[in-house]
PDB file of N, CA and C in Angstrom:
ATOM      1  N   MET A   1       0.813  -1.193   0.000  1.00  0.00           N
ATOM      2  CA  MET A   1       0.000   0.000   0.000  1.00  0.00           C
ATOM      3  C   MET A   1       0.863   1.266   0.000  1.00  0.00           C
ATOM      4  N   ARG A   2       1.898   1.268   0.831  1.00  0.00           N
ATOM      5  CA  ARG A   2       2.782   2.425   0.887  1.00  0.00           C
ATOM      6  C   ARG A   2       3.508   2.614  -0.442  1.00  0.00           C
ATOM      7  N   ARG A   3       3.871   1.521  -1.036  1.00  0.00           N
ATOM      8  CA  ARG A   3       4.586   1.580  -2.321  1.00  0.00           C
ATOM      9  C   ARG A   3       3.694   2.201  -3.393  1.00  0.00           C
ATOM     10  N   THR A   4       2.454   1.804  -3.456  1.00  0.00           N
ATOM     11  CA  THR A   4       1.496   2.364  -4.420  1.00  0.00           C
ATOM     12  C   THR A   4       1.300   3.860  -4.172  1.00  0.00           C
ATOM     13  N   ALA A   5       1.167   4.231  -2.919  1.00  0.00           N
ATOM     14  CA  ALA A   5       0.997   5.649  -2.583  1.00  0.00           C
ATOM     15  C   ALA A   5       2.230   6.446  -3.001  1.00  0.00           C
ATOM     16  N   ALA A   6       3.402   5.901  -2.797  1.00  0.00           N
ATOM     17  CA  ALA A   6       4.641   6.592  -3.173  1.00  0.00           C
ATOM     18  C   ALA A   6       4.723   6.767  -4.691  1.00  0.00           C
ATOM     19  N   VAL A   7       4.313   5.752  -5.430  1.00  0.00           N
ATOM     20  CA  VAL A   7       4.327   5.833  -6.888  1.00  0.00           C
ATOM     21  C   VAL A   7       3.338   6.898  -7.365  1.00  0.00           C
ATOM     22  N   VAL A   8       2.149   6.906  -6.787  1.00  0.00           N
ATOM     23  CA  VAL A   8       1.130   7.897  -7.158  1.00  0.00           C
ATOM     24  C   VAL A   8       1.624   9.301  -6.852  1.00  0.00           C
ATOM     25  N   VAL A   9       2.187   9.511  -5.676  1.00  0.00           N
ATOM     26  CA  VAL A   9       2.714  10.829  -5.310  1.00  0.00           C
ATOM     27  C   VAL A   9       3.841  11.222  -6.260  1.00  0.00           C
ATOM     28  N   GLY A  10       4.707  10.291  -6.595  1.00  0.00           N
ATOM     29  CA  GLY A  10       5.798  10.563  -7.536  1.00  0.00           C
ATOM     30  C   GLY A  10       5.282  10.972  -8.901  1.00  0.00           C
ATOM     31  N   LEU A  11       4.267  10.274  -9.399  1.00  0.00           N
ATOM     32  CA  LEU A  11       3.686  10.619 -10.702  1.00  0.00           C
ATOM     33  C   LEU A  11       3.017  11.985 -10.677  1.00  0.00           C
ATOM     34  N   ILE A  12       2.322  12.284  -9.605  1.00  0.00           N
ATOM     35  CA  ILE A  12       1.691  13.607  -9.468  1.00  0.00           C
ATOM     36  C   ILE A  12       2.762  14.688  -9.445  1.00  0.00           C
ATOM     37  N   PHE A  13       3.834  14.461  -8.695  1.00  0.00           N
ATOM     38  CA  PHE A  13       4.924  15.431  -8.618  1.00  0.00           C
ATOM     39  C   PHE A  13       5.548  15.666  -9.990  1.00  0.00           C
ATOM     40  N   ILE A  14       5.835  14.607 -10.725  1.00  0.00           N
ATOM     41  CA  ILE A  14       6.441  14.732 -12.057  1.00  0.00           C
ATOM     42  C   ILE A  14       5.512  15.494 -12.998  1.00  0.00           C
ATOM     43  N   THR A  15       4.225  15.172 -12.955  1.00  0.00           N
ATOM     44  CA  THR A  15       3.252  15.850 -13.803  1.00  0.00           C
ATOM     45  C   THR A  15       3.159  17.330 -13.446  1.00  0.00           C
ATOM     46  N   PHE A  16       3.119  17.641 -12.158  1.00  0.00           N
ATOM     47  CA  PHE A  16       3.013  19.025 -11.704  1.00  0.00           C
ATOM     48  C   PHE A  16       4.246  19.834 -12.102  1.00  0.00           C
ATOM     49  N   VAL A  17       5.424  19.295 -11.890  1.00  0.00           N
ATOM     50  CA  VAL A  17       6.667  20.001 -12.200  1.00  0.00           C
ATOM     51  C   VAL A  17       6.804  20.201 -13.706  1.00  0.00           C
ATOM     52  N   SER A  18       6.510  19.199 -14.507  1.00  0.00           N
ATOM     53  CA  SER A  18       6.664  19.331 -15.964  1.00  0.00           C
ATOM     54  C   SER A  18       5.665  20.316 -16.550  1.00  0.00           C
ATOM     55  N   ALA A  19       4.533  20.513 -15.889  1.00  0.00           N
ATOM     56  CA  ALA A  19       3.549  21.481 -16.380  1.00  0.00           C
ATOM     57  C   ALA A  19       4.077  22.904 -16.287  1.00  0.00           C
ATOM     58  N   PHE A  20       5.007  23.151 -15.373  1.00  0.00           N
ATOM     59  CA  PHE A  20       5.556  24.489 -15.189  1.00  0.00           C
ATOM     60  C   PHE A  20       6.978  24.633 -15.734  1.00  0.00           C
ATOM     61  N   ALA A  21       7.458  23.632 -16.415  1.00  0.00           N
ATOM     62  CA  ALA A  21       8.813  23.689 -16.971  1.00  0.00           C
ATOM     63  C   ALA A  21       8.874  24.705 -18.105  1.00  0.00           C
ATOM     64  N   VAL A  22       9.982  25.403 -18.192  1.00  0.00           N
ATOM     65  CA  VAL A  22      10.200  26.380 -19.255  1.00  0.00           C
ATOM     66  C   VAL A  22      11.207  25.787 -20.229  1.00  0.00           C
ATOM     67  N   VAL A  23      10.892  25.879 -21.491  1.00  0.00           N
ATOM     68  CA  VAL A  23      11.772  25.337 -22.519  1.00  0.00           C
ATOM     69  C   VAL A  23      12.858  26.345 -22.827  1.00  0.00           C
ATOM     70  N   GLY A  24      14.103  25.885 -22.799  1.00  0.00           N
ATOM     71  CA  GLY A  24      15.225  26.712 -23.229  1.00  0.00           C
ATOM     72  C   GLY A  24      15.196  28.096 -22.635  1.00  0.00           C
ATOM     73  N   GLY A  25      15.327  29.080 -23.492  1.00  0.00           N
ATOM     74  CA  GLY A  25      15.401  30.460 -23.051  1.00  0.00           C
ATOM     75  C   GLY A  25      14.101  31.205 -23.166  1.00  0.00           C
ATOM     76  N   GLY A  26      12.988  30.507 -23.334  1.00  0.00           N
ATOM     77  CA  GLY A  26      11.707  31.193 -23.485  1.00  0.00           C
ATOM     78  C   GLY A  26      11.643  31.910 -24.824  1.00  0.00           C
ATOM     79  N   ASP A  27      10.892  32.980 -24.871  1.00  0.00           N
ATOM     80  CA  ASP A  27      10.781  33.764 -26.108  1.00  0.00           C
ATOM     81  C   ASP A  27      11.837  34.861 -26.130  1.00  0.00           C
ATOM     82  N   LEU A  28      12.404  35.095 -27.303  1.00  0.00           N
ATOM     83  CA  LEU A  28      13.386  36.156 -27.488  1.00  0.00           C
ATOM     84  C   LEU A  28      12.860  37.142 -28.511  1.00  0.00           C
ATOM     85  N   THR A  29      12.970  38.428 -28.225  1.00  0.00           N
ATOM     86  CA  THR A  29      12.575  39.442 -29.193  1.00  0.00           C
ATOM     87  C   THR A  29      13.830  39.929 -29.896  1.00  0.00           C
ATOM     88  N   ILE A  30      13.808  39.825 -31.219  1.00  0.00           N
ATOM     89  CA  ILE A  30      14.932  40.242 -32.049  1.00  0.00           C
ATOM     90  C   ILE A  30      14.496  41.476 -32.810  1.00  0.00           C
ATOM     91  N   LYS A  31      15.268  42.541 -32.698  1.00  0.00           N
ATOM     92  CA  LYS A  31      14.928  43.791 -33.387  1.00  0.00           C
ATOM     93  C   LYS A  31      15.001  43.559 -34.887  1.00  0.00           C
ATOM     94  N   GLY A  32      13.904  43.892 -35.579  1.00  0.00           N
ATOM     95  CA  GLY A  32      13.808  43.616 -37.003  1.00  0.00           C
ATOM     96  C   GLY A  32      13.776  44.846 -37.887  1.00  0.00           C
ATOM     97  N   GLY A  33      14.115  45.997 -37.354  1.00  0.00           N
ATOM     98  CA  GLY A  33      14.157  47.211 -38.160  1.00  0.00           C
ATOM     99  C   GLY A  33      12.809  47.596 -38.729  1.00  0.00           C
ATOM    100  N   LYS A  34      12.801  48.065 -39.978  1.00  0.00           N
ATOM    101  CA  LYS A  34      11.572  48.537 -40.623  1.00  0.00           C
ATOM    102  C   LYS A  34      10.536  47.432 -40.792  1.00  0.00           C
ATOM    103  N   ALA A  35      10.997  46.212 -40.928  1.00  0.00           N
ATOM    104  CA  ALA A  35      10.080  45.085 -41.139  1.00  0.00           C
ATOM    105  C   ALA A  35       9.333  44.711 -39.863  1.00  0.00           C
ATOM    106  N   GLY A  36       9.811  45.178 -38.711  1.00  0.00           N
ATOM    107  CA  GLY A  36       9.184  44.835 -37.440  1.00  0.00           C
ATOM    108  C   GLY A  36       9.998  43.799 -36.688  1.00  0.00           C
ATOM    109  N   ASN A  37       9.795  43.737 -35.391  1.00  0.00           N
ATOM    110  CA  ASN A  37      10.532  42.796 -34.558  1.00  0.00           C
ATOM    111  C   ASN A  37      10.107  41.361 -34.828  1.00  0.00           C
ATOM    112  N   VAL A  38      10.989  40.446 -34.461  1.00  0.00           N
ATOM    113  CA  VAL A  38      10.722  39.015 -34.571  1.00  0.00           C
ATOM    114  C   VAL A  38      10.725  38.453 -33.158  1.00  0.00           C
ATOM    115  N   VAL A  39       9.688  37.719 -32.806  1.00  0.00           N
ATOM    116  CA  VAL A  39       9.671  37.027 -31.526  1.00  0.00           C
ATOM    117  C   VAL A  39       9.985  35.565 -31.817  1.00  0.00           C
ATOM    118  N   PHE A  40      11.170  35.141 -31.360  1.00  0.00           N
ATOM    119  CA  PHE A  40      11.592  33.762 -31.548  1.00  0.00           C
ATOM    120  C   PHE A  40      11.101  32.942 -30.373  1.00  0.00           C
ATOM    121  N   SER A  41      10.368  31.889 -30.638  1.00  0.00           N
ATOM    122  CA  SER A  41       9.812  31.033 -29.601  1.00  0.00           C
ATOM    123  C   SER A  41      10.618  29.743 -29.493  1.00  0.00           C
ATOM    124  N   HIS A  42      11.315  29.581 -28.364  1.00  0.00           N
ATOM    125  CA  HIS A  42      12.011  28.315 -28.125  1.00  0.00           C
ATOM    126  C   HIS A  42      10.997  27.177 -28.062  1.00  0.00           C
ATOM    127  N   ASP A  43       9.835  27.432 -27.450  1.00  0.00           N
ATOM    128  CA  ASP A  43       8.815  26.396 -27.311  1.00  0.00           C
ATOM    129  C   ASP A  43       8.371  25.868 -28.676  1.00  0.00           C
ATOM    130  N   ALA A  44       8.159  26.767 -29.625  1.00  0.00           N
ATOM    131  CA  ALA A  44       7.720  26.337 -30.954  1.00  0.00           C
ATOM    132  C   ALA A  44       8.773  25.480 -31.644  1.00  0.00           C
ATOM    133  N   HIS A  45      10.026  25.778 -31.419  1.00  0.00           N
ATOM    134  CA  HIS A  45      11.099  25.053 -32.086  1.00  0.00           C
ATOM    135  C   HIS A  45      11.506  23.780 -31.345  1.00  0.00           C
ATOM    136  N   VAL A  46      11.457  23.800 -30.020  1.00  0.00           N
ATOM    137  CA  VAL A  46      11.891  22.645 -29.236  1.00  0.00           C
ATOM    138  C   VAL A  46      10.733  21.679 -28.987  1.00  0.00           C
ATOM    139  N   SER A  47       9.674  22.155 -28.357  1.00  0.00           N
ATOM    140  CA  SER A  47       8.568  21.264 -27.986  1.00  0.00           C
ATOM    141  C   SER A  47       7.710  20.857 -29.169  1.00  0.00           C
ATOM    142  N   LYS A  48       7.359  21.812 -30.009  1.00  0.00           N
ATOM    143  CA  LYS A  48       6.429  21.514 -31.099  1.00  0.00           C
ATOM    144  C   LYS A  48       7.098  20.870 -32.301  1.00  0.00           C
ATOM    145  N   VAL A  49       8.316  21.313 -32.640  1.00  0.00           N
ATOM    146  CA  VAL A  49       9.013  20.758 -33.813  1.00  0.00           C
ATOM    147  C   VAL A  49       9.907  19.594 -33.404  1.00  0.00           C
ATOM    148  N   GLY A  50      10.382  19.613 -32.168  1.00  0.00           N
ATOM    149  CA  GLY A  50      11.202  18.521 -31.671  1.00  0.00           C
ATOM    150  C   GLY A  50      12.696  18.701 -31.862  1.00  0.00           C
ATOM    151  N   LEU A  51      13.142  19.943 -32.011  1.00  0.00           N
ATOM    152  CA  LEU A  51      14.571  20.189 -32.149  1.00  0.00           C
ATOM    153  C   LEU A  51      15.258  20.045 -30.804  1.00  0.00           C
ATOM    154  N   ASN A  52      16.489  19.641 -30.839  1.00  0.00           N
ATOM    155  CA  ASN A  52      17.332  19.552 -29.661  1.00  0.00           C
ATOM    156  C   ASN A  52      18.112  20.859 -29.562  1.00  0.00           C
ATOM    157  N   CYS A  53      18.488  21.276 -28.379  1.00  0.00           N
ATOM    158  CA  CYS A  53      19.247  22.526 -28.212  1.00  0.00           C
ATOM    159  C   CYS A  53      20.475  22.556 -29.114  1.00  0.00           C
ATOM    160  N   LYS A  54      21.160  21.419 -29.223  1.00  0.00           N
ATOM    161  CA  LYS A  54      22.392  21.358 -30.004  1.00  0.00           C
ATOM    162  C   LYS A  54      22.149  21.464 -31.507  1.00  0.00           C
ATOM    163  N   ASP A  55      20.898  21.354 -31.954  1.00  0.00           N
ATOM    164  CA  ASP A  55      20.603  21.534 -33.375  1.00  0.00           C
ATOM    165  C   ASP A  55      20.893  22.958 -33.827  1.00  0.00           C
ATOM    166  N   CYS A  56      20.775  23.904 -32.911  1.00  0.00           N
ATOM    167  CA  CYS A  56      21.026  25.313 -33.245  1.00  0.00           C
ATOM    168  C   CYS A  56      22.208  25.889 -32.479  1.00  0.00           C
ATOM    169  N   HIS A  57      22.249  25.607 -31.181  1.00  0.00           N
ATOM    170  CA  HIS A  57      23.298  26.209 -30.363  1.00  0.00           C
ATOM    171  C   HIS A  57      24.632  25.522 -30.573  1.00  0.00           C
ATOM    172  N   SER A  58      25.610  26.340 -30.717  1.00  0.00           N
ATOM    173  CA  SER A  58      27.011  26.087 -31.032  1.00  0.00           C
ATOM    174  C   SER A  58      27.216  25.975 -32.536  1.00  0.00           C
ATOM    175  N   LYS A  59      26.172  25.700 -33.301  1.00  0.00           N
ATOM    176  CA  LYS A  59      26.288  25.736 -34.760  1.00  0.00           C
ATOM    177  C   LYS A  59      25.851  27.105 -35.267  1.00  0.00           C
ATOM    178  N   LEU A  60      24.613  27.469 -35.004  1.00  0.00           N
ATOM    179  CA  LEU A  60      24.054  28.716 -35.519  1.00  0.00           C
ATOM    180  C   LEU A  60      24.136  29.852 -34.515  1.00  0.00           C
ATOM    181  N   TYR A  61      23.789  29.551 -33.286  1.00  0.00           N
ATOM    182  CA  TYR A  61      23.713  30.582 -32.255  1.00  0.00           C
ATOM    183  C   TYR A  61      24.516  30.131 -31.053  1.00  0.00           C
ATOM    184  N   LEU A  62      25.285  31.038 -30.501  1.00  0.00           N
ATOM    185  CA  LEU A  62      26.041  30.710 -29.296  1.00  0.00           C
ATOM    186  C   LEU A  62      25.211  31.062 -28.069  1.00  0.00           C
ATOM    187  N   ASP A  63      24.937  32.322 -27.891  1.00  0.00           N
ATOM    188  CA  ASP A  63      24.048  32.814 -26.855  1.00  0.00           C
ATOM    189  C   ASP A  63      23.705  34.254 -27.216  1.00  0.00           C
ATOM    190  N   THR A  64      22.875  34.896 -26.430  1.00  0.00           N
ATOM    191  CA  THR A  64      22.419  36.238 -26.806  1.00  0.00           C
ATOM    192  C   THR A  64      23.541  37.264 -26.803  1.00  0.00           C
ATOM    193  N   LYS A  65      24.583  37.059 -26.030  1.00  0.00           N
ATOM    194  CA  LYS A  65      25.683  38.025 -25.981  1.00  0.00           C
ATOM    195  C   LYS A  65      26.695  37.807 -27.106  1.00  0.00           C
ATOM    196  N   ARG A  66      26.911  36.578 -27.520  1.00  0.00           N
ATOM    197  CA  ARG A  66      27.942  36.283 -28.522  1.00  0.00           C
ATOM    198  C   ARG A  66      27.393  36.090 -29.931  1.00  0.00           C
ATOM    199  N   HIS A  67      26.072  36.144 -30.090  1.00  0.00           N
ATOM    200  CA  HIS A  67      25.481  35.951 -31.414  1.00  0.00           C
ATOM    201  C   HIS A  67      25.755  37.165 -32.291  1.00  0.00           C
ATOM    202  N   LYS A  68      26.181  36.908 -33.501  1.00  0.00           N
ATOM    203  CA  LYS A  68      26.460  37.995 -34.430  1.00  0.00           C
ATOM    204  C   LYS A  68      25.199  38.348 -35.203  1.00  0.00           C
ATOM    205  N   LYS A  69      25.099  39.603 -35.603  1.00  0.00           N
ATOM    206  CA  LYS A  69      23.942  40.065 -36.363  1.00  0.00           C
ATOM    207  C   LYS A  69      23.895  39.349 -37.711  1.00  0.00           C
ATOM    208  N   VAL A  70      22.706  38.938 -38.086  1.00  0.00           N
ATOM    209  CA  VAL A  70      22.509  38.251 -39.354  1.00  0.00           C
ATOM    210  C   VAL A  70      21.479  39.033 -40.162  1.00  0.00           C
ATOM    211  N   THR A  71      21.718  39.183 -41.431  1.00  0.00           N
ATOM    212  CA  THR A  71      20.802  39.934 -42.293  1.00  0.00           C
ATOM    213  C   THR A  71      19.866  38.982 -43.030  1.00  0.00           C
ATOM    214  N   MET A  72      18.802  39.538 -43.582  1.00  0.00           N
ATOM    215  CA  MET A  72      17.877  38.733 -44.397  1.00  0.00           C
ATOM    216  C   MET A  72      18.620  38.150 -45.608  1.00  0.00           C
ATOM    217  N   LYS A  73      19.531  38.909 -46.184  1.00  0.00           N
ATOM    218  CA  LYS A  73      20.303  38.409 -47.324  1.00  0.00           C
ATOM    219  C   LYS A  73      21.084  37.158 -46.930  1.00  0.00           C
ATOM    220  N   GLN A  74      21.701  37.185 -45.750  1.00  0.00           N
ATOM    221  CA  GLN A  74      22.430  36.009 -45.272  1.00  0.00           C
ATOM    222  C   GLN A  74      21.480  34.830 -45.038  1.00  0.00           C
ATOM    223  N   MET A  75      20.302  35.105 -44.468  1.00  0.00           N
ATOM    224  CA  MET A  75      19.328  34.028 -44.237  1.00  0.00           C
ATOM    225  C   MET A  75      18.883  33.413 -45.557  1.00  0.00           C
ATOM    226  N   GLN A  76      18.687  34.246 -46.567  1.00  0.00           N
ATOM    227  CA  GLN A  76      18.288  33.748 -47.884  1.00  0.00           C
ATOM    228  C   GLN A  76      19.393  32.920 -48.528  1.00  0.00           C
ATOM    229  N   GLN A  77      20.614  33.075 -48.044  1.00  0.00           N
ATOM    230  CA  GLN A  77      21.751  32.276 -48.523  1.00  0.00           C
ATOM    231  C   GLN A  77      21.947  31.017 -47.677  1.00  0.00           C
ATOM    232  N   GLY A  78      21.001  30.749 -46.771  1.00  0.00           N
ATOM    233  CA  GLY A  78      21.060  29.531 -45.966  1.00  0.00           C
ATOM    234  C   GLY A  78      21.804  29.656 -44.658  1.00  0.00           C
ATOM    235  N   LYS A  79      22.059  30.871 -44.219  1.00  0.00           N
ATOM    236  CA  LYS A  79      22.735  31.071 -42.939  1.00  0.00           C
ATOM    237  C   LYS A  79      21.707  31.382 -41.864  1.00  0.00           C
ATOM    238  N   SER A  80      22.080  31.160 -40.608  1.00  0.00           N
ATOM    239  CA  SER A  80      21.224  31.446 -39.461  1.00  0.00           C
ATOM    240  C   SER A  80      19.874  30.743 -39.617  1.00  0.00           C
ATOM    241  N   CYS A  81      18.778  31.472 -39.473  1.00  0.00           N
ATOM    242  CA  CYS A  81      17.431  30.894 -39.589  1.00  0.00           C
ATOM    243  C   CYS A  81      17.238  30.204 -40.937  1.00  0.00           C
ATOM    244  N   GLY A  82      17.880  30.755 -41.959  1.00  0.00           N
ATOM    245  CA  GLY A  82      17.738  30.230 -43.318  1.00  0.00           C
ATOM    246  C   GLY A  82      18.307  28.843 -43.519  1.00  0.00           C
ATOM    247  N   SER A  83      19.099  28.343 -42.541  1.00  0.00           N
ATOM    248  CA  SER A  83      19.628  26.985 -42.689  1.00  0.00           C
ATOM    249  C   SER A  83      18.507  25.948 -42.579  1.00  0.00           C
ATOM    250  N   CYS A  84      17.464  26.248 -41.853  1.00  0.00           N
ATOM    251  CA  CYS A  84      16.293  25.360 -41.792  1.00  0.00           C
ATOM    252  C   CYS A  84      15.105  25.948 -42.541  1.00  0.00           C
ATOM    253  N   HIS A  85      14.950  27.262 -42.461  1.00  0.00           N
ATOM    254  CA  HIS A  85      13.827  27.921 -43.128  1.00  0.00           C
ATOM    255  C   HIS A  85      14.193  28.175 -44.585  1.00  0.00           C
ATOM    256  N   ASN A  86      14.243  27.057 -45.318  1.00  0.00           N
ATOM    257  CA  ASN A  86      14.682  27.072 -46.717  1.00  0.00           C
ATOM    258  C   ASN A  86      13.590  26.621 -47.678  1.00  0.00           C
ATOM    259  N   GLY A  87      12.389  26.405 -47.165  1.00  0.00           N
ATOM    260  CA  GLY A  87      11.288  25.938 -47.997  1.00  0.00           C
ATOM    261  C   GLY A  87      11.210  24.429 -48.090  1.00  0.00           C
ATOM    262  N   LYS A  88      12.195  23.730 -47.543  1.00  0.00           N
ATOM    263  CA  LYS A  88      12.201  22.258 -47.557  1.00  0.00           C
ATOM    264  C   LYS A  88      12.009  21.725 -46.140  1.00  0.00           C
ATOM    265  N   GLU A  89      12.868  22.139 -45.231  1.00  0.00           N
ATOM    266  CA  GLU A  89      12.753  21.695 -43.837  1.00  0.00           C
ATOM    267  C   GLU A  89      11.670  22.468 -43.103  1.00  0.00           C
ATOM    268  N   ALA A  90      11.578  23.751 -43.389  1.00  0.00           N
ATOM    269  CA  ALA A  90      10.576  24.634 -42.780  1.00  0.00           C
ATOM    270  C   ALA A  90      10.248  25.715 -43.802  1.00  0.00           C
ATOM    271  N   PHE A  91       9.208  26.497 -43.538  1.00  0.00           N
ATOM    272  CA  PHE A  91       8.821  27.528 -44.505  1.00  0.00           C
ATOM    273  C   PHE A  91      10.015  28.423 -44.834  1.00  0.00           C
ATOM    274  N   SER A  92      10.048  28.931 -46.034  1.00  0.00           N
ATOM    275  CA  SER A  92      11.173  29.730 -46.516  1.00  0.00           C
ATOM    276  C   SER A  92      11.173  31.138 -45.917  1.00  0.00           C
ATOM    277  N   VAL A  93      12.375  31.696 -45.754  1.00  0.00           N
ATOM    278  CA  VAL A  93      12.499  33.082 -45.311  1.00  0.00           C
ATOM    279  C   VAL A  93      12.199  34.045 -46.457  1.00  0.00           C
ATOM    280  N   LYS A  94      12.121  33.539 -47.655  1.00  0.00           N
ATOM    281  CA  LYS A  94      11.856  34.382 -48.820  1.00  0.00           C
ATOM    282  C   LYS A  94      10.355  34.579 -49.000  1.00  0.00           C
ATOM    283  N   GLY A  95       9.908  35.833 -48.940  1.00  0.00           N
ATOM    284  CA  GLY A  95       8.509  36.161 -49.212  1.00  0.00           C
ATOM    285  C   GLY A  95       7.519  35.740 -48.145  1.00  0.00           C
ATOM    286  N   GLN A  96       7.984  35.413 -46.957  1.00  0.00           N
ATOM    287  CA  GLN A  96       7.092  34.977 -45.874  1.00  0.00           C
ATOM    288  C   GLN A  96       7.260  35.896 -44.668  1.00  0.00           C
ATOM    289  N   CYS A  97       7.448  37.177 -44.918  1.00  0.00           N
ATOM    290  CA  CYS A  97       7.816  38.161 -43.873  1.00  0.00           C
ATOM    291  C   CYS A  97       6.902  38.109 -42.660  1.00  0.00           C
ATOM    292  N   SER A  98       5.588  38.076 -42.878  1.00  0.00           N
ATOM    293  CA  SER A  98       4.631  38.175 -41.770  1.00  0.00           C
ATOM    294  C   SER A  98       4.625  36.949 -40.870  1.00  0.00           C
ATOM    295  N   LYS A  99       5.241  35.864 -41.272  1.00  0.00           N
ATOM    296  CA  LYS A  99       5.307  34.684 -40.404  1.00  0.00           C
ATOM    297  C   LYS A  99       6.252  34.908 -39.226  1.00  0.00           C
ATOM    298  N   CYS A 100       7.207  35.826 -39.389  1.00  0.00           N
ATOM    299  CA  CYS A 100       8.165  36.097 -38.317  1.00  0.00           C
ATOM    300  C   CYS A 100       8.109  37.534 -37.823  1.00  0.00           C
ATOM    301  N   HIS A 101       8.008  38.483 -38.749  1.00  0.00           N
ATOM    302  CA  HIS A 101       8.064  39.906 -38.382  1.00  0.00           C
ATOM    303  C   HIS A 101       6.689  40.402 -37.949  1.00  0.00           C
ATOM    304  N   ARG A 102       6.691  41.147 -36.831  1.00  0.00           N
ATOM    305  CA  ARG A 102       5.470  41.749 -36.305  1.00  0.00           C
ATOM    306  C   ARG A 102       5.702  43.251 -36.166  1.00  0.00           C
ATOM    307  N   LYS A 103       4.824  44.018 -36.754  1.00  0.00           N
ATOM    308  CA  LYS A 103       4.950  45.492 -36.637  1.00  0.00           C
ATOM    309  C   LYS A 103       4.164  45.994 -35.471  1.00  0.00           C
TER     310      LYS A 103
END
């Protein structure tokens, strides 16, 4: 009986804690100039798409302090966001401005 109660309490605890877990760095707002800012959602990329942190970090992005500025031209050449947002793996950065930029 005690063992069953301990298992039930453990499952409730795991469920409760995971409900409040934050994925990665949360949402990041990236200044987008005239086109409008971009809100990058870690949740959309990690939880919903299933990417691992290492899929982007250390390859594309180091952290918010060491990340270098990337232009739309560079993204269209397959750099930064454009390495996945190429129209094959994910929607293309070309001609899909409103999917990322918010004015």
